[in-house]
Amino acid sequence: MDGWQRRYRLSNGPGGLGVTCTAEGLALAGVPLLAKGASGFQVRSAEEVAVLLERAYGRAELNAAVLLSGFGKIAIWLRLL
């Protein structure tokens, strides 16, 4: 480690271009990362999430499949609201 620590935060303000998480769901730049259906929120497919991440960050080294388990936990939490 070089002493630097990367920090992330939600961008819940109006028109935010980052990640938002509200009662309306999880989104990146306003694009839903979770699908909302009759039974509540569901995780979108790895392919859909990968496309969204690539469009937002370019060819960043982000693995959508790794993020999906976290998205699943958020979907469960949102169903409880």
PDB file of N, CA and C in Angstrom:
ATOM      1  N   MET A   1       0.844  -1.183   0.000  1.00  0.00           N
ATOM      2  CA  MET A   1       0.000   0.000   0.000  1.00  0.00           C
ATOM      3  C   MET A   1       0.882   1.237   0.000  1.00  0.00           C
ATOM      4  N   ASP A   2       0.420   2.251  -0.671  1.00  0.00           N
ATOM      5  CA  ASP A   2       1.189   3.474  -0.755  1.00  0.00           C
ATOM      6  C   ASP A   2       0.644   4.567   0.162  1.00  0.00           C
ATOM      7  N   GLY A   3      -0.268   4.226   1.053  1.00  0.00           N
ATOM      8  CA  GLY A   3      -0.820   5.203   1.967  1.00  0.00           C
ATOM      9  C   GLY A   3      -2.089   5.871   1.463  1.00  0.00           C
ATOM     10  N   TRP A   4      -2.391   5.729   0.189  1.00  0.00           N
ATOM     11  CA  TRP A   4      -3.608   6.308  -0.366  1.00  0.00           C
ATOM     12  C   TRP A   4      -4.756   5.341  -0.187  1.00  0.00           C
ATOM     13  N   GLN A   5      -5.883   5.880   0.122  1.00  0.00           N
ATOM     14  CA  GLN A   5      -7.067   5.050   0.295  1.00  0.00           C
ATOM     15  C   GLN A   5      -8.173   5.608  -0.590  1.00  0.00           C
ATOM     16  N   ARG A   6      -8.671   4.795  -1.484  1.00  0.00           N
ATOM     17  CA  ARG A   6      -9.745   5.222  -2.382  1.00  0.00           C
ATOM     18  C   ARG A   6     -11.063   5.173  -1.630  1.00  0.00           C
ATOM     19  N   ARG A   7     -11.846   6.231  -1.760  1.00  0.00           N
ATOM     20  CA  ARG A   7     -13.144   6.294  -1.096  1.00  0.00           C
ATOM     21  C   ARG A   7     -14.235   6.465  -2.128  1.00  0.00           C
ATOM     22  N   TYR A   8     -15.346   5.866  -1.845  1.00  0.00           N
ATOM     23  CA  TYR A   8     -16.511   5.950  -2.718  1.00  0.00           C
ATOM     24  C   TYR A   8     -17.687   6.425  -1.893  1.00  0.00           C
ATOM     25  N   ARG A   9     -18.600   7.116  -2.538  1.00  0.00           N
ATOM     26  CA  ARG A   9     -19.826   7.515  -1.854  1.00  0.00           C
ATOM     27  C   ARG A   9     -20.966   7.555  -2.862  1.00  0.00           C
ATOM     28  N   LEU A  10     -22.162   7.511  -2.337  1.00  0.00           N
ATOM     29  CA  LEU A  10     -23.342   7.557  -3.192  1.00  0.00           C
ATOM     30  C   LEU A  10     -23.557   8.976  -3.701  1.00  0.00           C
ATOM     31  N   SER A  11     -24.195   9.072  -4.823  1.00  0.00           N
ATOM     32  CA  SER A  11     -24.473  10.345  -5.472  1.00  0.00           C
ATOM     33  C   SER A  11     -25.986  10.511  -5.576  1.00  0.00           C
ATOM     34  N   ASN A  12     -26.649  10.657  -4.434  1.00  0.00           N
ATOM     35  CA  ASN A  12     -28.109  10.660  -4.408  1.00  0.00           C
ATOM     36  C   ASN A  12     -28.744  12.007  -4.752  1.00  0.00           C
ATOM     37  N   GLY A  13     -27.942  13.001  -5.078  1.00  0.00           N
ATOM     38  CA  GLY A  13     -28.501  14.303  -5.431  1.00  0.00           C
ATOM     39  C   GLY A  13     -29.176  14.272  -6.794  1.00  0.00           C
ATOM     40  N   PRO A  14     -30.020  15.251  -7.058  1.00  0.00           N
ATOM     41  CA  PRO A  14     -30.700  15.312  -8.355  1.00  0.00           C
ATOM     42  C   PRO A  14     -29.699  15.417  -9.507  1.00  0.00           C
ATOM     43  N   GLY A  15     -29.899  14.618 -10.536  1.00  0.00           N
ATOM     44  CA  GLY A  15     -29.027  14.660 -11.702  1.00  0.00           C
ATOM     45  C   GLY A  15     -27.650  14.065 -11.478  1.00  0.00           C
ATOM     46  N   GLY A  16     -27.465  13.349 -10.380  1.00  0.00           N
ATOM     47  CA  GLY A  16     -26.162  12.757 -10.083  1.00  0.00           C
ATOM     48  C   GLY A  16     -25.729  11.761 -11.144  1.00  0.00           C
ATOM     49  N   LEU A  17     -24.460  11.763 -11.464  1.00  0.00           N
ATOM     50  CA  LEU A  17     -23.938  10.857 -12.481  1.00  0.00           C
ATOM     51  C   LEU A  17     -23.279   9.623 -11.885  1.00  0.00           C
ATOM     52  N   GLY A  18     -23.248   9.536 -10.582  1.00  0.00           N
ATOM     53  CA  GLY A  18     -22.632   8.393  -9.939  1.00  0.00           C
ATOM     54  C   GLY A  18     -23.643   7.322  -9.596  1.00  0.00           C
ATOM     55  N   VAL A  19     -23.322   6.544  -8.582  1.00  0.00           N
ATOM     56  CA  VAL A  19     -24.198   5.473  -8.117  1.00  0.00           C
ATOM     57  C   VAL A  19     -25.183   6.054  -7.111  1.00  0.00           C
ATOM     58  N   THR A  20     -26.463   5.743  -7.306  1.00  0.00           N
ATOM     59  CA  THR A  20     -27.493   6.152  -6.365  1.00  0.00           C
ATOM     60  C   THR A  20     -28.184   4.913  -5.815  1.00  0.00           C
ATOM     61  N   CYS A  21     -28.601   5.004  -4.566  1.00  0.00           N
ATOM     62  CA  CYS A  21     -29.361   3.921  -3.945  1.00  0.00           C
ATOM     63  C   CYS A  21     -30.429   4.567  -3.078  1.00  0.00           C
ATOM     64  N   THR A  22     -31.652   4.467  -3.547  1.00  0.00           N
ATOM     65  CA  THR A  22     -32.800   5.040  -2.847  1.00  0.00           C
ATOM     66  C   THR A  22     -33.898   3.976  -2.804  1.00  0.00           C
ATOM     67  N   ALA A  23     -35.037   4.354  -2.268  1.00  0.00           N
ATOM     68  CA  ALA A  23     -36.178   3.438  -2.253  1.00  0.00           C
ATOM     69  C   ALA A  23     -36.624   3.094  -3.673  1.00  0.00           C
ATOM     70  N   GLU A  24     -36.219   3.900  -4.650  1.00  0.00           N
ATOM     71  CA  GLU A  24     -36.541   3.642  -6.059  1.00  0.00           C
ATOM     72  C   GLU A  24     -35.589   2.639  -6.697  1.00  0.00           C
ATOM     73  N   GLY A  25     -34.532   2.275  -5.989  1.00  0.00           N
ATOM     74  CA  GLY A  25     -33.612   1.267  -6.499  1.00  0.00           C
ATOM     75  C   GLY A  25     -32.176   1.735  -6.593  1.00  0.00           C
ATOM     76  N   LEU A  26     -31.342   0.875  -7.129  1.00  0.00           N
ATOM     77  CA  LEU A  26     -29.914   1.114  -7.326  1.00  0.00           C
ATOM     78  C   LEU A  26     -29.710   1.511  -8.782  1.00  0.00           C
ATOM     79  N   ALA A  27     -28.986   2.613  -9.013  1.00  0.00           N
ATOM     80  CA  ALA A  27     -28.806   3.089 -10.377  1.00  0.00           C
ATOM     81  C   ALA A  27     -27.410   3.668 -10.557  1.00  0.00           C
ATOM     82  N   LEU A  28     -26.962   3.697 -11.788  1.00  0.00           N
ATOM     83  CA  LEU A  28     -25.702   4.334 -12.172  1.00  0.00           C
ATOM     84  C   LEU A  28     -26.047   5.401 -13.197  1.00  0.00           C
ATOM     85  N   ALA A  29     -25.805   6.657 -12.855  1.00  0.00           N
ATOM     86  CA  ALA A  29     -26.123   7.794 -13.721  1.00  0.00           C
ATOM     87  C   ALA A  29     -27.584   7.760 -14.172  1.00  0.00           C
ATOM     88  N   GLY A  30     -28.463   7.358 -13.264  1.00  0.00           N
ATOM     89  CA  GLY A  30     -29.885   7.323 -13.560  1.00  0.00           C
ATOM     90  C   GLY A  30     -30.369   6.063 -14.252  1.00  0.00           C
ATOM     91  N   VAL A  31     -29.463   5.170 -14.618  1.00  0.00           N
ATOM     92  CA  VAL A  31     -29.839   3.922 -15.293  1.00  0.00           C
ATOM     93  C   VAL A  31     -29.940   2.819 -14.232  1.00  0.00           C
ATOM     94  N   PRO A  32     -31.104   2.186 -14.103  1.00  0.00           N
ATOM     95  CA  PRO A  32     -31.282   1.170 -13.061  1.00  0.00           C
ATOM     96  C   PRO A  32     -30.321  -0.019 -13.199  1.00  0.00           C
ATOM     97  N   LEU A  33     -29.712  -0.393 -12.080  1.00  0.00           N
ATOM     98  CA  LEU A  33     -28.878  -1.594 -12.027  1.00  0.00           C
ATOM     99  C   LEU A  33     -29.681  -2.793 -11.539  1.00  0.00           C
ATOM    100  N   LEU A  34     -30.857  -2.497 -10.983  1.00  0.00           N
ATOM    101  CA  LEU A  34     -31.779  -3.540 -10.550  1.00  0.00           C
ATOM    102  C   LEU A  34     -33.074  -3.368 -11.325  1.00  0.00           C
ATOM    103  N   ALA A  35     -33.712  -4.474 -11.667  1.00  0.00           N
ATOM    104  CA  ALA A  35     -35.004  -4.427 -12.351  1.00  0.00           C
ATOM    105  C   ALA A  35     -36.094  -4.503 -11.292  1.00  0.00           C
ATOM    106  N   LYS A  36     -37.120  -3.682 -11.435  1.00  0.00           N
ATOM    107  CA  LYS A  36     -38.218  -3.691 -10.471  1.00  0.00           C
ATOM    108  C   LYS A  36     -39.402  -4.424 -11.086  1.00  0.00           C
ATOM    109  N   GLY A  37     -39.832  -5.483 -10.417  1.00  0.00           N
ATOM    110  CA  GLY A  37     -40.957  -6.280 -10.896  1.00  0.00           C
ATOM    111  C   GLY A  37     -42.023  -6.399  -9.832  1.00  0.00           C
ATOM    112  N   ALA A  38     -43.002  -7.235 -10.086  1.00  0.00           N
ATOM    113  CA  ALA A  38     -44.117  -7.419  -9.156  1.00  0.00           C
ATOM    114  C   ALA A  38     -43.651  -7.950  -7.799  1.00  0.00           C
ATOM    115  N   SER A  39     -42.581  -8.746  -7.796  1.00  0.00           N
ATOM    116  CA  SER A  39     -42.093  -9.318  -6.543  1.00  0.00           C
ATOM    117  C   SER A  39     -40.973  -8.489  -5.925  1.00  0.00           C
ATOM    118  N   GLY A  40     -40.739  -7.299  -6.443  1.00  0.00           N
ATOM    119  CA  GLY A  40     -39.705  -6.425  -5.888  1.00  0.00           C
ATOM    120  C   GLY A  40     -38.523  -6.303  -6.829  1.00  0.00           C
ATOM    121  N   PHE A  41     -37.397  -5.928  -6.290  1.00  0.00           N
ATOM    122  CA  PHE A  41     -36.207  -5.704  -7.093  1.00  0.00           C
ATOM    123  C   PHE A  41     -35.483  -7.019  -7.394  1.00  0.00           C
ATOM    124  N   GLN A  42     -34.973  -7.118  -8.605  1.00  0.00           N
ATOM    125  CA  GLN A  42     -34.200  -8.278  -9.050  1.00  0.00           C
ATOM    126  C   GLN A  42     -32.903  -7.773  -9.677  1.00  0.00           C
ATOM    127  N   VAL A  43     -31.864  -8.562  -9.562  1.00  0.00           N
ATOM    128  CA  VAL A  43     -30.583  -8.217 -10.169  1.00  0.00           C
ATOM    129  C   VAL A  43     -30.680  -8.398 -11.680  1.00  0.00           C
ATOM    130  N   ARG A  44     -30.184  -7.418 -12.426  1.00  0.00           N
ATOM    131  CA  ARG A  44     -30.142  -7.546 -13.883  1.00  0.00           C
ATOM    132  C   ARG A  44     -29.071  -8.561 -14.252  1.00  0.00           C
ATOM    133  N   SER A  45     -29.098  -9.016 -15.472  1.00  0.00           N
ATOM    134  CA  SER A  45     -28.127 -10.035 -15.897  1.00  0.00           C
ATOM    135  C   SER A  45     -26.714  -9.456 -15.916  1.00  0.00           C
ATOM    136  N   ALA A  46     -25.735 -10.336 -15.796  1.00  0.00           N
ATOM    137  CA  ALA A  46     -24.332  -9.917 -15.825  1.00  0.00           C
ATOM    138  C   ALA A  46     -24.010  -9.204 -17.130  1.00  0.00           C
ATOM    139  N   GLU A  47     -24.609  -9.653 -18.227  1.00  0.00           N
ATOM    140  CA  GLU A  47     -24.355  -9.030 -19.530  1.00  0.00           C
ATOM    141  C   GLU A  47     -24.874  -7.592 -19.550  1.00  0.00           C
ATOM    142  N   GLU A  48     -26.089  -7.377 -19.016  1.00  0.00           N
ATOM    143  CA  GLU A  48     -26.651  -6.022 -18.980  1.00  0.00           C
ATOM    144  C   GLU A  48     -25.810  -5.099 -18.112  1.00  0.00           C
ATOM    145  N   VAL A  49     -25.415  -5.594 -16.950  1.00  0.00           N
ATOM    146  CA  VAL A  49     -24.597  -4.786 -16.042  1.00  0.00           C
ATOM    147  C   VAL A  49     -23.240  -4.490 -16.675  1.00  0.00           C
ATOM    148  N   ALA A  50     -22.652  -5.461 -17.351  1.00  0.00           N
ATOM    149  CA  ALA A  50     -21.357  -5.249 -18.000  1.00  0.00           C
ATOM    150  C   ALA A  50     -21.445  -4.147 -19.055  1.00  0.00           C
ATOM    151  N   VAL A  51     -22.532  -4.132 -19.823  1.00  0.00           N
ATOM    152  CA  VAL A  51     -22.716  -3.090 -20.843  1.00  0.00           C
ATOM    153  C   VAL A  51     -22.818  -1.718 -20.179  1.00  0.00           C
ATOM    154  N   LEU A  52     -23.595  -1.624 -19.110  1.00  0.00           N
ATOM    155  CA  LEU A  52     -23.743  -0.348 -18.407  1.00  0.00           C
ATOM    156  C   LEU A  52     -22.410   0.145 -17.856  1.00  0.00           C
ATOM    157  N   LEU A  53     -21.645  -0.768 -17.257  1.00  0.00           N
ATOM    158  CA  LEU A  53     -20.343  -0.381 -16.698  1.00  0.00           C
ATOM    159  C   LEU A  53     -19.378   0.052 -17.793  1.00  0.00           C
ATOM    160  N   GLU A  54     -19.392  -0.650 -18.902  1.00  0.00           N
ATOM    161  CA  GLU A  54     -18.492  -0.288 -19.997  1.00  0.00           C
ATOM    162  C   GLU A  54     -18.850   1.082 -20.561  1.00  0.00           C
ATOM    163  N   ARG A  55     -20.137   1.353 -20.688  1.00  0.00           N
ATOM    164  CA  ARG A  55     -20.560   2.663 -21.210  1.00  0.00           C
ATOM    165  C   ARG A  55     -20.227   3.785 -20.235  1.00  0.00           C
ATOM    166  N   ALA A  56     -20.284   3.485 -18.948  1.00  0.00           N
ATOM    167  CA  ALA A  56     -20.003   4.509 -17.949  1.00  0.00           C
ATOM    168  C   ALA A  56     -18.507   4.736 -17.751  1.00  0.00           C
ATOM    169  N   TYR A  57     -17.729   3.655 -17.773  1.00  0.00           N
ATOM    170  CA  TYR A  57     -16.318   3.742 -17.405  1.00  0.00           C
ATOM    171  C   TYR A  57     -15.363   3.339 -18.516  1.00  0.00           C
ATOM    172  N   GLY A  58     -15.871   3.022 -19.689  1.00  0.00           N
ATOM    173  CA  GLY A  58     -14.997   2.561 -20.763  1.00  0.00           C
ATOM    174  C   GLY A  58     -14.530   1.144 -20.477  1.00  0.00           C
ATOM    175  N   ARG A  59     -13.399   0.806 -20.966  1.00  0.00           N
ATOM    176  CA  ARG A  59     -12.863  -0.550 -20.783  1.00  0.00           C
ATOM    177  C   ARG A  59     -12.188  -0.708 -19.428  1.00  0.00           C
ATOM    178  N   ALA A  60     -12.854  -0.234 -18.401  1.00  0.00           N
ATOM    179  CA  ALA A  60     -12.312  -0.365 -17.052  1.00  0.00           C
ATOM    180  C   ALA A  60     -12.264  -1.840 -16.663  1.00  0.00           C
ATOM    181  N   GLU A  61     -11.406  -2.134 -15.760  1.00  0.00           N
ATOM    182  CA  GLU A  61     -11.257  -3.523 -15.322  1.00  0.00           C
ATOM    183  C   GLU A  61     -12.265  -3.833 -14.217  1.00  0.00           C
ATOM    184  N   LEU A  62     -13.527  -3.705 -14.552  1.00  0.00           N
ATOM    185  CA  LEU A  62     -14.599  -4.025 -13.623  1.00  0.00           C
ATOM    186  C   LEU A  62     -15.250  -5.326 -14.059  1.00  0.00           C
ATOM    187  N   ASN A  63     -15.405  -6.219 -13.147  1.00  0.00           N
ATOM    188  CA  ASN A  63     -16.019  -7.505 -13.438  1.00  0.00           C
ATOM    189  C   ASN A  63     -17.454  -7.467 -12.930  1.00  0.00           C
ATOM    190  N   ALA A  64     -18.408  -7.372 -13.848  1.00  0.00           N
ATOM    191  CA  ALA A  64     -19.815  -7.268 -13.472  1.00  0.00           C
ATOM    192  C   ALA A  64     -20.259  -8.458 -12.639  1.00  0.00           C
ATOM    193  N   ALA A  65     -19.766  -9.637 -12.947  1.00  0.00           N
ATOM    194  CA  ALA A  65     -20.174 -10.840 -12.216  1.00  0.00           C
ATOM    195  C   ALA A  65     -19.816 -10.733 -10.736  1.00  0.00           C
ATOM    196  N   VAL A  66     -18.703 -10.098 -10.424  1.00  0.00           N
ATOM    197  CA  VAL A  66     -18.282  -9.939  -9.036  1.00  0.00           C
ATOM    198  C   VAL A  66     -19.243  -8.997  -8.308  1.00  0.00           C
ATOM    199  N   LEU A  67     -19.736  -7.985  -9.000  1.00  0.00           N
ATOM    200  CA  LEU A  67     -20.628  -7.007  -8.382  1.00  0.00           C
ATOM    201  C   LEU A  67     -22.031  -7.547  -8.141  1.00  0.00           C
ATOM    202  N   LEU A  68     -22.445  -8.555  -8.898  1.00  0.00           N
ATOM    203  CA  LEU A  68     -23.824  -9.031  -8.829  1.00  0.00           C
ATOM    204  C   LEU A  68     -24.224  -9.553  -7.453  1.00  0.00           C
ATOM    205  N   SER A  69     -23.303 -10.175  -6.724  1.00  0.00           N
ATOM    206  CA  SER A  69     -23.672 -10.678  -5.394  1.00  0.00           C
ATOM    207  C   SER A  69     -23.998  -9.512  -4.469  1.00  0.00           C
ATOM    208  N   GLY A  70     -23.251  -8.431  -4.574  1.00  0.00           N
ATOM    209  CA  GLY A  70     -23.557  -7.236  -3.788  1.00  0.00           C
ATOM    210  C   GLY A  70     -24.870  -6.609  -4.205  1.00  0.00           C
ATOM    211  N   PHE A  71     -25.129  -6.588  -5.519  1.00  0.00           N
ATOM    212  CA  PHE A  71     -26.398  -6.057  -6.011  1.00  0.00           C
ATOM    213  C   PHE A  71     -27.558  -6.892  -5.479  1.00  0.00           C
ATOM    214  N   GLY A  72     -27.354  -8.198  -5.384  1.00  0.00           N
ATOM    215  CA  GLY A  72     -28.391  -9.084  -4.847  1.00  0.00           C
ATOM    216  C   GLY A  72     -28.724  -8.751  -3.406  1.00  0.00           C
ATOM    217  N   LYS A  73     -27.712  -8.430  -2.620  1.00  0.00           N
ATOM    218  CA  LYS A  73     -27.942  -8.055  -1.221  1.00  0.00           C
ATOM    219  C   LYS A  73     -28.703  -6.740  -1.137  1.00  0.00           C
ATOM    220  N   ILE A  74     -28.385  -5.804  -2.022  1.00  0.00           N
ATOM    221  CA  ILE A  74     -29.097  -4.530  -2.051  1.00  0.00           C
ATOM    222  C   ILE A  74     -30.549  -4.759  -2.451  1.00  0.00           C
ATOM    223  N   ALA A  75     -30.786  -5.636  -3.425  1.00  0.00           N
ATOM    224  CA  ALA A  75     -32.155  -5.941  -3.860  1.00  0.00           C
ATOM    225  C   ALA A  75     -32.975  -6.508  -2.702  1.00  0.00           C
ATOM    226  N   ILE A  76     -32.378  -7.389  -1.923  1.00  0.00           N
ATOM    227  CA  ILE A  76     -33.071  -7.962  -0.760  1.00  0.00           C
ATOM    228  C   ILE A  76     -33.406  -6.859   0.238  1.00  0.00           C
ATOM    229  N   TRP A  77     -32.453  -5.998   0.511  1.00  0.00           N
ATOM    230  CA  TRP A  77     -32.671  -4.903   1.455  1.00  0.00           C
ATOM    231  C   TRP A  77     -33.796  -3.997   0.962  1.00  0.00           C
ATOM    232  N   LEU A  78     -33.801  -3.658  -0.316  1.00  0.00           N
ATOM    233  CA  LEU A  78     -34.832  -2.775  -0.859  1.00  0.00           C
ATOM    234  C   LEU A  78     -36.218  -3.412  -0.796  1.00  0.00           C
ATOM    235  N   ARG A  79     -36.302  -4.727  -0.881  1.00  0.00           N
ATOM    236  CA  ARG A  79     -37.601  -5.405  -0.769  1.00  0.00           C
ATOM    237  C   ARG A  79     -38.174  -5.248   0.638  1.00  0.00           C
ATOM    238  N   LEU A  80     -37.312  -5.027   1.606  1.00  0.00           N
ATOM    239  CA  LEU A  80     -37.742  -4.900   2.999  1.00  0.00           C
ATOM    240  C   LEU A  80     -38.268  -3.507   3.340  1.00  0.00           C
ATOM    241  N   LEU A  81     -38.028  -2.554   2.469  1.00  0.00           N
ATOM    242  CA  LEU A  81     -38.485  -1.175   2.740  1.00  0.00           C
ATOM    243  C   LEU A  81     -39.977  -1.042   2.608  1.00  0.00           C
TER     244      LEU A  81
END
